[in-house]
Amino acid sequence: MLSLTNLSFYRIATIVGALLLPAQALASSFTPESVGIRARFSGATTLGKPQPEEFKAYDISADFRLPWRGDWETWYLGGSLMTSAGYLSASGQDSLVVSVTPKIRIASKHDGVYFDAGAGGAYLSRHQFERQDFGGAFQFSLTVGAGVTLYKGLGLGYRFMHYSDGGLHGSNNVGADFHMLEINYRF
């Protein structure tokens, strides 16, 4: 029997994220929302433990609107699915990172300001680096972001990302935090 006391925060966050993804969204109701590129600019500490490696990280992303949205006079609340593929490097070793993360977004209808947060999963083609072991190829991903549209859909943003196995592969491994600058185009 599975109890809430046995689940880590990351597992609970992933379950909540999966519940935000309605069944009809898996069909043809995805609507492209934005595409972007990101690069890490800082982040040598990890939620909970010191991070032994200083990573370089770059990726491309695409967000897709989920089919539910709540509208107010000047703001809306909606769901989106962030997908990304990128590059992670430390100590001369490289890894492909692919992630899928359901998010909740609150955004201004008029001035292009947004805030979002989500939890999902990521695949790392390499999980062992010289001084850091993620524990396994599957990682939970947590993200919080904010940004603004500057000119005709072109925007600038900040994204905090955290990868961790959440204890899935044992307790002797460390995740990684990434403070990322993102440039995106919103459709």
Protein backbone atom coordinates (compact mmCIF):
# COMPACT_ATOMS: atom_id res chain seq x y z
CA MET A 1 0.00 0.00 0.00
CA LEU A 2 1.36 3.39 -1.01
CA SER A 3 1.04 6.13 1.62
CA LEU A 4 1.75 9.84 1.42
CA THR A 5 4.39 9.53 4.14
CA ASN A 6 6.44 7.27 1.83
CA LEU A 7 6.36 9.70 -1.10
CA SER A 8 9.01 12.36 -1.50
CA PHE A 9 8.17 15.94 -2.48
CA TYR A 10 9.37 15.28 -6.03
CA ARG A 11 7.10 12.28 -6.50
CA ILE A 12 4.10 14.22 -5.20
CA ALA A 13 4.95 17.16 -7.49
CA THR A 14 5.16 14.81 -10.49
CA ILE A 15 1.81 13.19 -9.65
CA VAL A 16 0.18 16.63 -9.34
CA GLY A 17 1.74 17.66 -12.66
CA ALA A 18 0.37 14.55 -14.36
CA LEU A 19 -3.11 15.30 -13.03
CA LEU A 20 -2.94 18.73 -14.69
CA LEU A 21 -2.63 17.05 -18.08
CA PRO A 22 -6.22 16.23 -19.14
CA ALA A 23 -6.79 13.15 -21.28
CA GLN A 24 -8.05 15.19 -24.23
CA ALA A 25 -4.75 17.12 -24.25
CA LEU A 26 -3.03 13.94 -25.35
CA ALA A 27 -5.04 13.99 -28.57
CA SER A 28 -5.00 16.81 -31.10
CA SER A 29 -5.78 19.73 -28.79
CA PHE A 30 -2.20 20.93 -28.25
CA THR A 31 -1.74 24.49 -29.43
CA PRO A 32 1.80 25.85 -29.86
CA GLU A 33 2.43 28.66 -27.36
CA SER A 34 6.13 29.52 -27.66
CA VAL A 35 9.58 28.35 -28.77
CA GLY A 36 12.83 29.43 -27.18
CA ILE A 37 16.48 28.93 -26.35
CA ARG A 38 18.01 28.93 -22.87
CA ALA A 39 21.49 29.07 -21.39
CA ARG A 40 22.65 28.63 -17.82
CA PHE A 41 24.26 31.69 -16.27
CA SER A 42 24.60 30.63 -12.61
CA GLY A 43 23.74 28.00 -10.05
CA ALA A 44 26.49 26.20 -8.12
CA THR A 45 24.26 25.09 -5.24
CA THR A 46 21.51 22.52 -5.18
CA LEU A 47 18.27 22.37 -3.23
CA GLY A 48 19.34 20.43 -0.16
CA LYS A 49 23.01 19.52 -0.83
CA PRO A 50 26.16 21.19 -2.22
CA GLN A 51 26.51 20.61 -5.97
CA PRO A 52 29.99 19.14 -6.74
CA GLU A 53 30.05 20.02 -10.47
CA GLU A 54 29.75 23.37 -12.25
CA PHE A 55 27.61 22.55 -15.29
CA LYS A 56 27.21 24.27 -18.62
CA ALA A 57 23.66 23.91 -19.88
CA TYR A 58 21.92 24.97 -23.11
CA ASP A 59 18.61 23.88 -24.56
CA ILE A 60 15.79 24.61 -26.96
CA SER A 61 12.21 24.49 -25.77
CA ALA A 62 8.67 24.47 -27.06
CA ASP A 63 5.59 25.14 -24.94
CA PHE A 64 2.13 23.90 -25.87
CA ARG A 65 -1.12 25.27 -24.41
CA LEU A 66 -3.28 22.77 -22.61
CA PRO A 67 -7.02 23.00 -23.36
CA TRP A 68 -8.12 24.72 -20.15
CA ARG A 69 -7.87 28.37 -19.19
CA GLY A 70 -9.46 30.77 -16.72
CA ASP A 71 -9.83 34.40 -17.81
CA TRP A 72 -10.08 37.56 -15.75
CA GLU A 73 -10.22 41.14 -16.91
CA THR A 74 -6.46 41.61 -17.49
CA TRP A 75 -4.93 38.21 -16.50
CA TYR A 76 -5.46 34.56 -17.32
CA LEU A 77 -4.52 31.28 -15.64
CA GLY A 78 -3.79 28.29 -17.85
CA GLY A 79 -1.84 25.12 -18.30
CA SER A 80 1.00 24.43 -20.66
CA LEU A 81 3.35 21.59 -21.45
CA MET A 82 7.03 22.56 -21.70
CA THR A 83 9.20 20.26 -23.79
CA SER A 84 12.94 20.72 -24.16
CA ALA A 85 16.07 19.10 -25.54
CA GLY A 86 19.53 20.27 -24.64
CA TYR A 87 23.11 19.83 -23.68
CA LEU A 88 24.63 19.41 -20.20
CA SER A 89 28.41 19.42 -19.71
CA ALA A 90 30.84 19.20 -16.78
CA SER A 91 34.47 18.05 -16.41
CA GLY A 92 34.72 17.45 -20.16
CA GLN A 93 31.77 15.03 -20.16
CA ASP A 94 28.56 15.73 -22.08
CA SER A 95 24.95 14.61 -21.77
CA LEU A 96 21.79 14.98 -23.82
CA VAL A 97 18.87 16.14 -21.66
CA VAL A 98 15.25 15.75 -22.81
CA SER A 99 12.40 16.88 -20.56
CA VAL A 100 8.61 17.14 -20.48
CA THR A 101 7.10 19.34 -17.79
CA PRO A 102 3.43 20.29 -17.28
CA LYS A 103 3.17 23.86 -15.93
CA ILE A 104 0.63 26.29 -14.55
CA ARG A 105 0.98 29.81 -15.97
CA ILE A 106 -0.50 33.14 -14.94
CA ALA A 107 -0.06 35.85 -17.56
CA SER A 108 -1.12 39.36 -18.39
CA LYS A 109 -3.33 39.65 -21.45
CA HIS A 110 -1.94 43.04 -22.47
CA ASP A 111 1.69 43.61 -21.49
CA GLY A 112 3.08 40.09 -21.95
CA VAL A 113 4.23 39.47 -18.35
CA TYR A 114 4.03 35.84 -17.19
CA PHE A 115 4.88 33.62 -14.22
CA ASP A 116 4.81 29.83 -14.29
CA ALA A 117 5.73 26.74 -12.27
CA GLY A 118 5.71 23.04 -12.98
CA ALA A 119 6.98 19.55 -12.28
CA GLY A 120 7.74 16.73 -14.70
CA GLY A 121 10.41 14.34 -15.84
CA ALA A 122 13.73 14.42 -17.66
CA TYR A 123 16.03 11.90 -19.34
CA LEU A 124 19.83 12.28 -19.11
CA SER A 125 21.91 10.25 -21.59
CA ARG A 126 24.78 10.44 -19.05
CA HIS A 127 24.01 10.53 -15.35
CA GLN A 128 27.56 10.06 -13.96
CA PHE A 129 30.06 12.87 -14.27
CA GLU A 130 33.56 13.11 -12.81
CA ARG A 131 32.46 14.44 -9.40
CA GLN A 132 28.68 14.06 -9.54
CA ASP A 133 26.31 11.15 -9.90
CA PHE A 134 22.64 11.89 -10.56
CA GLY A 135 21.83 8.27 -9.68
CA GLY A 136 20.10 7.28 -12.92
CA ALA A 137 18.93 8.39 -16.34
CA PHE A 138 15.42 9.41 -15.18
CA GLN A 139 15.23 12.64 -13.18
CA PHE A 140 12.35 14.63 -11.78
CA SER A 141 12.33 18.21 -13.06
CA LEU A 142 11.04 21.22 -11.19
CA THR A 143 10.82 24.67 -12.76
CA VAL A 144 9.76 28.22 -11.94
CA GLY A 145 9.93 30.98 -14.52
CA ALA A 146 9.05 34.59 -15.25
CA GLY A 147 9.33 36.76 -18.33
CA VAL A 148 8.01 39.51 -20.50
CA THR A 149 7.24 39.95 -24.19
CA LEU A 150 9.36 42.85 -25.47
CA TYR A 151 8.46 43.27 -29.14
CA LYS A 152 5.97 41.48 -31.42
CA GLY A 153 6.11 38.13 -29.61
CA LEU A 154 9.85 38.21 -28.85
CA GLY A 155 10.46 37.89 -25.14
CA LEU A 156 13.08 37.59 -22.43
CA GLY A 157 12.80 35.50 -19.30
CA TYR A 158 14.41 33.83 -16.31
CA ARG A 159 13.95 30.15 -15.51
CA PHE A 160 15.05 28.20 -12.45
CA MET A 161 15.32 24.47 -13.14
CA HIS A 162 16.11 21.65 -10.74
CA TYR A 163 16.88 18.05 -11.70
CA SER A 164 16.93 15.35 -9.04
CA ASP A 165 16.06 11.68 -8.77
CA GLY A 166 14.12 12.44 -5.56
CA GLY A 167 15.63 9.37 -3.89
CA LEU A 168 14.41 7.07 -6.69
CA HIS A 169 17.92 5.71 -7.33
CA GLY A 170 19.13 5.78 -3.70
CA SER A 171 20.29 8.47 -1.31
CA ASN A 172 23.96 8.85 -2.33
CA ASN A 173 23.45 11.12 -5.34
CA VAL A 174 23.00 14.83 -5.91
CA GLY A 175 20.75 16.78 -8.26
CA ALA A 176 21.55 20.05 -10.00
CA ASP A 177 20.12 23.58 -10.10
CA PHE A 178 20.18 25.84 -13.13
CA HIS A 179 19.53 29.57 -13.29
CA MET A 180 18.81 30.12 -16.96
CA LEU A 181 18.29 33.10 -19.22
CA GLU A 182 15.74 32.42 -21.95
CA ILE A 183 14.85 34.13 -25.19
CA ASN A 184 11.53 33.05 -26.63
CA TYR A 185 8.99 33.80 -29.28
CA ARG A 186 5.31 33.62 -28.27
CA PHE A 187 2.75 32.83 -30.96
